[in-house]
Structure formats: structure tokens, C-alpha cells
C-alpha atoms as a PDB file:
ATOM      1  CA  MET A   1       0.000   0.000   0.000  1.00  0.00           C
ATOM      2  CA  SER A   2       1.225   3.502  -0.792  1.00  0.00           C
ATOM      3  CA  TRP A   3       0.862   6.318   1.639  1.00  0.00           C
ATOM      4  CA  LEU A   4       0.443  10.096   1.492  1.00  0.00           C
ATOM      5  CA  ASN A   5       1.035  12.597   4.274  1.00  0.00           C
ATOM      6  CA  ARG A   6      -0.343  15.715   2.670  1.00  0.00           C
ATOM      7  CA  GLN A   7      -3.810  17.019   1.861  1.00  0.00           C
ATOM      8  CA  PRO A   8      -4.690  19.649  -0.789  1.00  0.00           C
ATOM      9  CA  GLY A   9      -3.547  23.064   0.375  1.00  0.00           C
ATOM     10  CA  GLY A  10      -1.582  21.970   3.429  1.00  0.00           C
ATOM     11  CA  SER A  11      -0.533  19.215   5.799  1.00  0.00           C
ATOM     12  CA  ILE A  12      -2.871  16.817   7.540  1.00  0.00           C
ATOM     13  CA  PRO A  13      -3.273  17.677  11.225  1.00  0.00           C
ATOM     14  CA  LYS A  14      -2.040  14.999  13.583  1.00  0.00           C
ATOM     15  CA  PRO A  15      -5.112  13.218  14.964  1.00  0.00           C
ATOM     16  CA  ASN A  16      -5.695  13.126  18.685  1.00  0.00           C
ATOM     17  CA  ARG A  17      -6.533   9.990  20.649  1.00  0.00           C
ATOM     18  CA  ARG A  18     -10.217  10.391  19.894  1.00  0.00           C
ATOM     19  CA  ALA A  19      -9.694  10.853  16.192  1.00  0.00           C
ATOM     20  CA  ILE A  20     -11.900   8.653  14.073  1.00  0.00           C
ATOM     21  CA  VAL A  21     -10.369   7.345  10.909  1.00  0.00           C
ATOM     22  CA  SER A  22     -12.680   5.684   8.443  1.00  0.00           C
ATOM     23  CA  VAL A  23     -11.256   4.353   5.218  1.00  0.00           C
ATOM     24  CA  ALA A  24     -13.300   2.766   2.460  1.00  0.00           C
ATOM     25  CA  ARG A  25     -11.107   1.665  -0.390  1.00  0.00           C
ATOM     26  CA  ARG A  26     -12.425   1.803  -3.928  1.00  0.00           C
ATOM     27  CA  ALA A  27     -11.648  -1.866  -4.372  1.00  0.00           C
ATOM     28  CA  GLY A  28     -13.847  -2.746  -1.422  1.00  0.00           C
ATOM     29  CA  ARG A  29     -11.008  -4.007   0.784  1.00  0.00           C
ATOM     30  CA  ARG A  30     -10.162  -2.632   4.219  1.00  0.00           C
ATOM     31  CA  PRO A  31      -6.539  -1.763   4.954  1.00  0.00           C
ATOM     32  CA  GLY A  32      -4.820  -3.558   7.792  1.00  0.00           C
ATOM     33  CA  GLY A  33      -4.033  -0.395   9.700  1.00  0.00           C
ATOM     34  CA  LEU A  34      -3.456   3.333   9.496  1.00  0.00           C
ATOM     35  CA  SER A  35      -0.479   5.214  10.925  1.00  0.00           C
ATOM     36  CA  PRO A  36      -1.168   8.637  12.512  1.00  0.00           C
ATOM     37  CA  GLY A  37      -1.047  11.434   9.976  1.00  0.00           C
ATOM     38  CA  LEU A  38      -0.948   9.078   6.976  1.00  0.00           C
ATOM     39  CA  LEU A  39      -3.574   8.308   4.362  1.00  0.00           C
ATOM     40  CA  PRO A  40      -3.670   5.292   2.045  1.00  0.00           C
ATOM     41  CA  PHE A  41      -4.167   5.610  -1.705  1.00  0.00           C
ATOM     42  CA  ASN A  42      -7.632   4.625  -2.924  1.00  0.00           C
ATOM     43  CA  CYS A  43      -9.384   5.976   0.123  1.00  0.00           C
ATOM     44  CA  ALA A  44     -12.897   7.205  -0.505  1.00  0.00           C
ATOM     45  CA  GLU A  45     -13.445   9.020   2.784  1.00  0.00           C
ATOM     46  CA  VAL A  46     -11.180  10.174   5.605  1.00  0.00           C
ATOM     47  CA  GLN A  47     -12.469  11.781   8.781  1.00  0.00           C
ATOM     48  CA  PHE A  48     -10.440  13.041  11.758  1.00  0.00           C
ATOM     49  CA  GLY A  49     -13.275  13.772  14.128  1.00  0.00           C
ATOM     50  CA  ALA A  50     -13.850  17.015  12.261  1.00  0.00           C
ATOM     51  CA  PRO A  51     -17.289  18.554  11.893  1.00  0.00           C
ATOM     52  CA  LYS A  52     -17.254  17.808   8.131  1.00  0.00           C
ATOM     53  CA  PRO A  53     -15.554  14.805   6.562  1.00  0.00           C
ATOM     54  CA  TRP A  54     -13.504  15.239   3.419  1.00  0.00           C
ATOM     55  CA  SER A  55     -15.502  14.811   0.251  1.00  0.00           C
ATOM     56  CA  ARG A  56     -14.787  12.040  -2.231  1.00  0.00           C
ATOM     57  CA  ASN A  57     -13.799  14.650  -4.833  1.00  0.00           C
ATOM     58  CA  GLN A  58     -11.176  16.118  -2.504  1.00  0.00           C
ATOM     59  CA  VAL A  59      -9.607  12.721  -1.970  1.00  0.00           C
ATOM     60  CA  LYS A  60      -9.689  11.857  -5.683  1.00  0.00           C
ATOM     61  CA  GLN A  61      -7.790  15.074  -6.403  1.00  0.00           C
ATOM     62  CA  MET A  62      -5.108  14.053  -3.909  1.00  0.00           C
ATOM     63  CA  VAL A  63      -4.026  10.668  -5.216  1.00  0.00           C
ATOM     64  CA  PRO A  64      -4.367   8.185  -8.092  1.00  0.00           C
ATOM     65  CA  LEU A  65      -7.049   5.553  -7.681  1.00  0.00           C
ATOM     66  CA  GLU A  66      -4.736   2.575  -8.232  1.00  0.00           C
ATOM     67  CA  THR A  67      -1.157   1.721  -7.382  1.00  0.00           C
ATOM     68  CA  PRO A  68       0.727  -0.571  -9.827  1.00  0.00           C
ATOM     69  CA  ALA A  69       1.417  -4.055  -8.530  1.00  0.00           C
ATOM     70  CA  ALA A  70       5.001  -4.910  -7.718  1.00  0.00           C
ATOM     71  CA  ILE A  71       7.117  -7.276  -9.793  1.00  0.00           C
ATOM     72  CA  VAL A  72       8.106 -10.160  -7.530  1.00  0.00           C
ATOM     73  CA  ALA A  73      10.004 -13.409  -7.937  1.00  0.00           C
ATOM     74  CA  LEU A  74       8.241 -16.376  -9.474  1.00  0.00           C
ATOM     75  CA  ASP A  75       9.649 -19.244  -7.443  1.00  0.00           C
ATOM     76  CA  ASP A  76       8.920 -22.853  -6.626  1.00  0.00           C
ATOM     77  CA  ASP A  77       6.984 -21.929  -3.490  1.00  0.00           C
ATOM     78  CA  ALA A  78       4.612 -19.762  -5.523  1.00  0.00           C
ATOM     79  CA  LEU A  79       4.011 -22.531  -8.064  1.00  0.00           C
ATOM     80  CA  THR A  80       3.466 -25.161  -5.381  1.00  0.00           C
ATOM     81  CA  ALA A  81       1.069 -23.023  -3.355  1.00  0.00           C
ATOM     82  CA  ASP A  82      -1.095 -21.969  -6.292  1.00  0.00           C
ATOM     83  CA  GLU A  83      -1.200 -23.406  -9.811  1.00  0.00           C
ATOM     84  CA  ALA A  84      -2.892 -20.296 -11.235  1.00  0.00           C
ATOM     85  CA  LEU A  85       0.213 -19.346 -13.211  1.00  0.00           C
ATOM     86  CA  LEU A  86       0.407 -22.834 -14.697  1.00  0.00           C
ATOM     87  CA  ARG A  87      -3.237 -22.574 -15.744  1.00  0.00           C
ATOM     88  CA  LEU A  88      -2.508 -19.168 -17.267  1.00  0.00           C
ATOM     89  CA  ASN A  89       0.352 -20.666 -19.284  1.00  0.00           C
ATOM     90  CA  ASN A  90      -1.712 -23.594 -20.525  1.00  0.00           C
ATOM     91  CA  ALA A  91      -4.636 -21.396 -21.478  1.00  0.00           C
ATOM     92  CA  HIS A  92      -2.232 -19.991 -24.091  1.00  0.00           C
ATOM     93  CA  ALA A  93      -0.472 -23.224 -25.002  1.00  0.00           C
ATOM     94  CA  THR A  94      -0.658 -22.468 -28.738  1.00  0.00           C
ATOM     95  CA  GLU A  95       1.652 -19.508 -28.284  1.00  0.00           C
ATOM     96  CA  LEU A  96       3.679 -20.749 -25.300  1.00  0.00           C
ATOM     97  CA  SER A  97       3.589 -24.590 -25.371  1.00  0.00           C
ATOM     98  CA  TYR A  98       1.796 -26.752 -22.826  1.00  0.00           C
ATOM     99  CA  LEU A  99       3.537 -27.523 -19.514  1.00  0.00           C
ATOM    100  CA  ASN A 100       2.802 -29.758 -16.555  1.00  0.00           C
ATOM    101  CA  LEU A 101       3.702 -28.590 -13.057  1.00  0.00           C
ATOM    102  CA  GLU A 102       7.065 -30.350 -12.968  1.00  0.00           C
ATOM    103  CA  GLU A 103       8.065 -28.899 -16.343  1.00  0.00           C
ATOM    104  CA  MET A 104       7.185 -25.379 -15.271  1.00  0.00           C
ATOM    105  CA  ARG A 105       9.024 -25.824 -11.981  1.00  0.00           C
ATOM    106  CA  ALA A 106      12.111 -26.917 -13.942  1.00  0.00           C
ATOM    107  CA  LEU A 107      11.896 -23.804 -16.149  1.00  0.00           C
ATOM    108  CA  VAL A 108      11.639 -21.552 -13.127  1.00  0.00           C
ATOM    109  CA  ALA A 109      14.556 -23.270 -11.375  1.00  0.00           C
ATOM    110  CA  GLY A 110      16.875 -22.773 -14.359  1.00  0.00           C
ATOM    111  CA  ALA A 111      15.773 -19.276 -15.318  1.00  0.00           C
ATOM    112  CA  PHE A 112      17.900 -16.142 -15.362  1.00  0.00           C
ATOM    113  CA  VAL A 113      14.719 -14.180 -14.638  1.00  0.00           C
ATOM    114  CA  ALA A 114      11.423 -15.645 -13.432  1.00  0.00           C
ATOM    115  CA  ALA A 115       9.026 -12.935 -12.301  1.00  0.00           C
ATOM    116  CA  ARG A 116       5.326 -12.391 -11.794  1.00  0.00           C
ATOM    117  CA  MET A 117       2.897  -9.582 -11.072  1.00  0.00           C
ATOM    118  CA  ALA A 118       0.459  -9.912  -8.185  1.00  0.00           C
ATOM    119  CA  ALA A 119      -0.645 -13.492  -7.525  1.00  0.00           C
ATOM    120  CA  ALA A 120      -1.255 -14.528 -11.113  1.00  0.00           C
ATOM    121  CA  ASP A 121      -1.831 -11.425 -13.254  1.00  0.00           C
ATOM    122  CA  ALA A 122       1.200 -12.129 -15.435  1.00  0.00           C
ATOM    123  CA  PHE A 123       4.582 -13.821 -15.543  1.00  0.00           C
ATOM    124  CA  ILE A 124       7.796 -13.839 -17.558  1.00  0.00           C
ATOM    125  CA  ILE A 125      10.568 -16.450 -17.785  1.00  0.00           C
ATOM    126  CA  ALA A 126      13.945 -15.749 -19.398  1.00  0.00           C
ATOM    127  CA  PHE A 127      17.256 -17.631 -19.688  1.00  0.00           C
ATOM    128  CA  ASP A 128      20.814 -16.547 -20.260  1.00  0.00           C
ATOM    129  CA  GLU A 129      23.263 -18.341 -22.562  1.00  0.00           C
ATOM    130  CA  THR A 130      24.440 -20.698 -19.810  1.00  0.00           C
ATOM    131  CA  ALA A 131      21.051 -22.384 -19.346  1.00  0.00           C
ATOM    132  CA  ASP A 132      20.653 -26.136 -19.767  1.00  0.00           C
ATOM    133  CA  TYR A 133      17.677 -25.774 -22.092  1.00  0.00           C
ATOM    134  CA  ASP A 134      16.888 -27.756 -25.243  1.00  0.00           C
ATOM    135  CA  SER A 135      14.398 -25.390 -26.879  1.00  0.00           C
ATOM    136  CA  PRO A 136      15.251 -25.127 -30.614  1.00  0.00           C
ATOM    137  CA  ASN A 137      14.657 -21.377 -30.428  1.00  0.00           C
ATOM    138  CA  PHE A 138      17.008 -20.941 -27.484  1.00  0.00           C
ATOM    139  CA  LEU A 139      19.621 -23.097 -29.244  1.00  0.00           C
ATOM    140  CA  TRP A 140      19.315 -20.993 -32.408  1.00  0.00           C
ATOM    141  CA  PHE A 141      20.500 -17.969 -30.440  1.00  0.00           C
ATOM    142  CA  ARG A 142      23.196 -19.859 -28.537  1.00  0.00           C
ATOM    143  CA  ASN A 143      24.713 -21.039 -31.833  1.00  0.00           C
ATOM    144  CA  ARG A 144      25.083 -17.416 -32.933  1.00  0.00           C
ATOM    145  CA  PHE A 145      25.666 -15.197 -29.898  1.00  0.00           C
ATOM    146  CA  GLU A 146      28.177 -15.440 -27.082  1.00  0.00           C
ATOM    147  CA  ARG A 147      26.090 -13.478 -24.582  1.00  0.00           C
ATOM    148  CA  PHE A 148      22.328 -12.942 -24.493  1.00  0.00           C
ATOM    149  CA  VAL A 149      19.181 -13.190 -22.402  1.00  0.00           C
ATOM    150  CA  TYR A 150      16.410 -15.162 -24.108  1.00  0.00           C
ATOM    151  CA  ILE A 151      12.767 -14.452 -23.251  1.00  0.00           C
ATOM    152  CA  ASP A 152      11.193 -17.885 -23.335  1.00  0.00           C
ATOM    153  CA  ARG A 153       7.648 -16.937 -22.420  1.00  0.00           C
ATOM    154  CA  ILE A 154       5.506 -14.110 -21.145  1.00  0.00           C
ATOM    155  CA  CYS A 155       1.800 -14.263 -20.431  1.00  0.00           C
ATOM    156  CA  VAL A 156      -0.682 -11.698 -19.136  1.00  0.00           C
ATOM    157  CA  ASP A 157      -4.158 -12.535 -17.877  1.00  0.00           C
ATOM    158  CA  PRO A 158      -6.630 -11.295 -20.534  1.00  0.00           C
ATOM    159  CA  ALA A 159      -8.476  -9.305 -17.857  1.00  0.00           C
ATOM    160  CA  ARG A 160      -5.282  -7.355 -17.114  1.00  0.00           C
ATOM    161  CA  ARG A 161      -4.154  -6.595 -20.655  1.00  0.00           C
ATOM    162  CA  GLY A 162      -3.828  -3.050 -21.929  1.00  0.00           C
ATOM    163  CA  GLN A 163      -2.397  -1.820 -18.615  1.00  0.00           C
ATOM    164  CA  GLY A 164       1.302  -1.821 -19.482  1.00  0.00           C
ATOM    165  CA  ILE A 165       2.076  -5.016 -17.565  1.00  0.00           C
ATOM    166  CA  ALA A 166       3.952  -6.759 -20.390  1.00  0.00           C
ATOM    167  CA  ARG A 167       6.079  -3.660 -20.963  1.00  0.00           C
ATOM    168  CA  ARG A 168       6.947  -3.509 -17.254  1.00  0.00           C
ATOM    169  CA  LEU A 169       7.991  -7.152 -17.235  1.00  0.00           C
ATOM    170  CA  TYR A 170      10.145  -6.688 -20.340  1.00  0.00           C
ATOM    171  CA  THR A 171      11.725  -3.604 -18.776  1.00  0.00           C
ATOM    172  CA  HIS A 172      12.519  -5.695 -15.703  1.00  0.00           C
ATOM    173  CA  VAL A 173      14.348  -8.218 -17.917  1.00  0.00           C
ATOM    174  CA  PHE A 174      16.186  -5.420 -19.760  1.00  0.00           C
ATOM    175  CA  GLU A 175      17.447  -4.038 -16.450  1.00  0.00           C
ATOM    176  CA  ARG A 176      18.615  -7.426 -15.228  1.00  0.00           C
ATOM    177  CA  ALA A 177      20.287  -8.232 -18.559  1.00  0.00           C
ATOM    178  CA  ARG A 178      22.032  -4.851 -18.681  1.00  0.00           C
ATOM    179  CA  ALA A 179      23.313  -5.290 -15.124  1.00  0.00           C
ATOM    180  CA  ALA A 180      24.724  -8.710 -16.083  1.00  0.00           C
ATOM    181  CA  GLY A 181      26.451  -7.328 -19.194  1.00  0.00           C
ATOM    182  CA  ALA A 182      24.461  -9.608 -21.503  1.00  0.00           C
ATOM    183  CA  GLY A 183      24.523  -7.153 -24.400  1.00  0.00           C
ATOM    184  CA  ARG A 184      21.199  -8.182 -25.938  1.00  0.00           C
ATOM    185  CA  VAL A 185      17.739  -9.526 -25.113  1.00  0.00           C
ATOM    186  CA  VAL A 186      16.319 -11.934 -27.687  1.00  0.00           C
ATOM    187  CA  CYS A 187      13.072 -13.741 -28.451  1.00  0.00           C
ATOM    188  CA  GLU A 188      11.077 -15.334 -31.243  1.00  0.00           C
ATOM    189  CA  ILE A 189       7.666 -14.430 -32.665  1.00  0.00           C
ATOM    190  CA  ASN A 190       5.428 -16.761 -34.640  1.00  0.00           C
ATOM    191  CA  ALA A 191       5.359 -15.999 -38.368  1.00  0.00           C
ATOM    192  CA  GLU A 192       3.020 -18.909 -39.192  1.00  0.00           C
ATOM    193  CA  PRO A 193       0.529 -18.612 -37.622  1.00  0.00           C
ATOM    194  CA  PRO A 194       1.115 -14.838 -37.539  1.00  0.00           C
ATOM    195  CA  ASN A 195       0.959 -12.758 -34.369  1.00  0.00           C
ATOM    196  CA  PRO A 196       0.555  -9.099 -35.440  1.00  0.00           C
ATOM    197  CA  VAL A 197      -0.075  -7.879 -31.892  1.00  0.00           C
ATOM    198  CA  SER A 198       3.239  -9.329 -30.742  1.00  0.00           C
ATOM    199  CA  ASP A 199       4.945  -7.889 -33.837  1.00  0.00           C
ATOM    200  CA  ALA A 200       3.763  -4.387 -32.967  1.00  0.00           C
ATOM    201  CA  PHE A 201       4.614  -4.743 -29.272  1.00  0.00           C
ATOM    202  CA  HIS A 202       8.197  -5.855 -29.910  1.00  0.00           C
ATOM    203  CA  ALA A 203       8.753  -3.235 -32.603  1.00  0.00           C
ATOM    204  CA  ALA A 204       7.679  -0.535 -30.137  1.00  0.00           C
ATOM    205  CA  LEU A 205      10.264  -1.852 -27.647  1.00  0.00           C
ATOM    206  CA  GLY A 206      13.069  -1.623 -30.213  1.00  0.00           C
ATOM    207  CA  PHE A 207      13.448  -5.282 -31.244  1.00  0.00           C
ATOM    208  CA  GLU A 208      14.879  -5.975 -34.700  1.00  0.00           C
ATOM    209  CA  GLU A 209      14.627  -9.160 -36.752  1.00  0.00           C
ATOM    210  CA  VAL A 210      17.849 -11.194 -37.012  1.00  0.00           C
ATOM    211  CA  GLY A 211      16.681 -14.458 -38.622  1.00  0.00           C
ATOM    212  CA  SER A 212      13.933 -17.056 -39.053  1.00  0.00           C
ATOM    213  CA  ALA A 213      13.391 -20.816 -39.030  1.00  0.00           C
ATOM    214  CA  PHE A 214      10.751 -23.446 -39.697  1.00  0.00           C
ATOM    215  CA  LEU A 215      10.107 -25.765 -36.749  1.00  0.00           C
ATOM    216  CA  SER A 216       9.048 -28.987 -38.421  1.00  0.00           C
ATOM    217  CA  GLY A 217       8.194 -30.721 -35.171  1.00  0.00           C
ATOM    218  CA  ARG A 218       5.773 -27.923 -34.275  1.00  0.00           C
ATOM    219  CA  ASP A 219       4.586 -27.121 -37.787  1.00  0.00           C
ATOM    220  CA  LYS A 220       5.201 -23.411 -37.514  1.00  0.00           C
ATOM    221  CA  ARG A 221       7.615 -20.778 -38.733  1.00  0.00           C
ATOM    222  CA  VAL A 222       9.187 -18.306 -36.344  1.00  0.00           C
ATOM    223  CA  ARG A 223      11.182 -15.105 -36.718  1.00  0.00           C
ATOM    224  CA  TYR A 224      14.017 -14.253 -34.348  1.00  0.00           C
ATOM    225  CA  PHE A 225      14.515 -10.828 -32.808  1.00  0.00           C
ATOM    226  CA  GLU A 226      17.012  -8.994 -30.659  1.00  0.00           C
ATOM    227  CA  ARG A 227      17.179  -5.750 -28.759  1.00  0.00           C
ATOM    228  CA  ARG A 228      20.637  -4.418 -27.956  1.00  0.00           C
ATOM    229  CA  ILE A 229      20.958  -3.095 -24.413  1.00  0.00           C
END
């Protein structure tokens, strides 16, 4: 939760012991607690025992209504506790390839970056050139580049698309790859069947095509891309 210690036009007076603080979050959840003199984002009403409570419009002018979720590690504990991310992957098996729980756990264990947003809004898995990974797409890059970070899969819950989540996850990988001195981030995009949305997304992020291949075992053609970092 994010906090704010100012109100429009001045500072919030420190409440006394009898101060009444009532917070109704837009999402319908109650915060766990409130520190003196601090207000949470998303509050709809705040009252400090004053004759008139703040109006909803005053509060809306103070702060944004939503705070972006944090990017956190996707680890074995998260997969074991809740298989929602596995279900999200398999709901898009055409683009990502189907996995069972053990296969996804193995990917996460060997990843250079494995990250998620919220509980299961989205996830990304990427490998560096040292990974023990037999994907033909990964091997295509390893046969050509000494250093790289390969984005194996990214998936965003359809209900959360259009909110910049995929871009944030890619940016997270870029930062990690740059810190490691990888030099480039790479990926593949389906050419047959085509994926114009992915084409546009990667072009906007600065990816450039560096090759293509036909995967006979999967009956599809892919194009390979890189972004120098």
C-alpha cells in the first residue's frame, strides 16, 4: 500500500486519541491499519473527528485511484502453493507450449529471470546463454551469440491486458540483462501462424529481426529478434 502525508492546500493535522479514521477503499477491501497522519491511496473518505468529513472529490484530487502491482520473484513456493500461473500458461499453449507442473518448476529453477505480477496477473521467464535448455529457439541464439538473455515466455491474464504489464515485465528483464552485461535480449515471434499484436509490441520496444526458421516438429515458422541493451 502507498501512503500520502499531505492534503490539498496543506498538511494533515495529527489526529488526537479520539480521532476517528474511516477508510473505504475503492476496491472494497479494508486496509490492515493506518499510521497517525498518513492516508492510504484509494481511500474514498477520511475523517479526523472534524465537523465535516472530506468529500470524495477532494480525496480523488489528492491521489491516483490505483497503485501498480510490484514485480516479484516467481519461485517454486509460488508454483506449489497456487497453480494459477500454470493454468494461465496452458490457457495460451498455442503460443507458449503446454507444460505440466514439474516442467514449469524446472523452467523456473533454471531461469535467469522468473518474475510475476500480483498473484497470477502475469509472468515472464527468461534464460541466459548458460542455461541447460533444449528449446530449438534458445539453441538458435546460442549457436550465434556469445552473450544474451532469451525471453522464453511471457503471459498476461486477458483481464489485465492493456495496462502496461507486459512492458513492465520486459523492462525488468532489460534491467537485469544490462546489469549482467548480456549485451542483448532476444526472443522469437510466430510468423506462421502470424501474431501481429506481438509484432507491434516488440517493434515498439526496439526489437529488430535477425533471422527465421521453420520448426518442423511444431509445424510453424518463427522469426528471431534482438534488442541491444
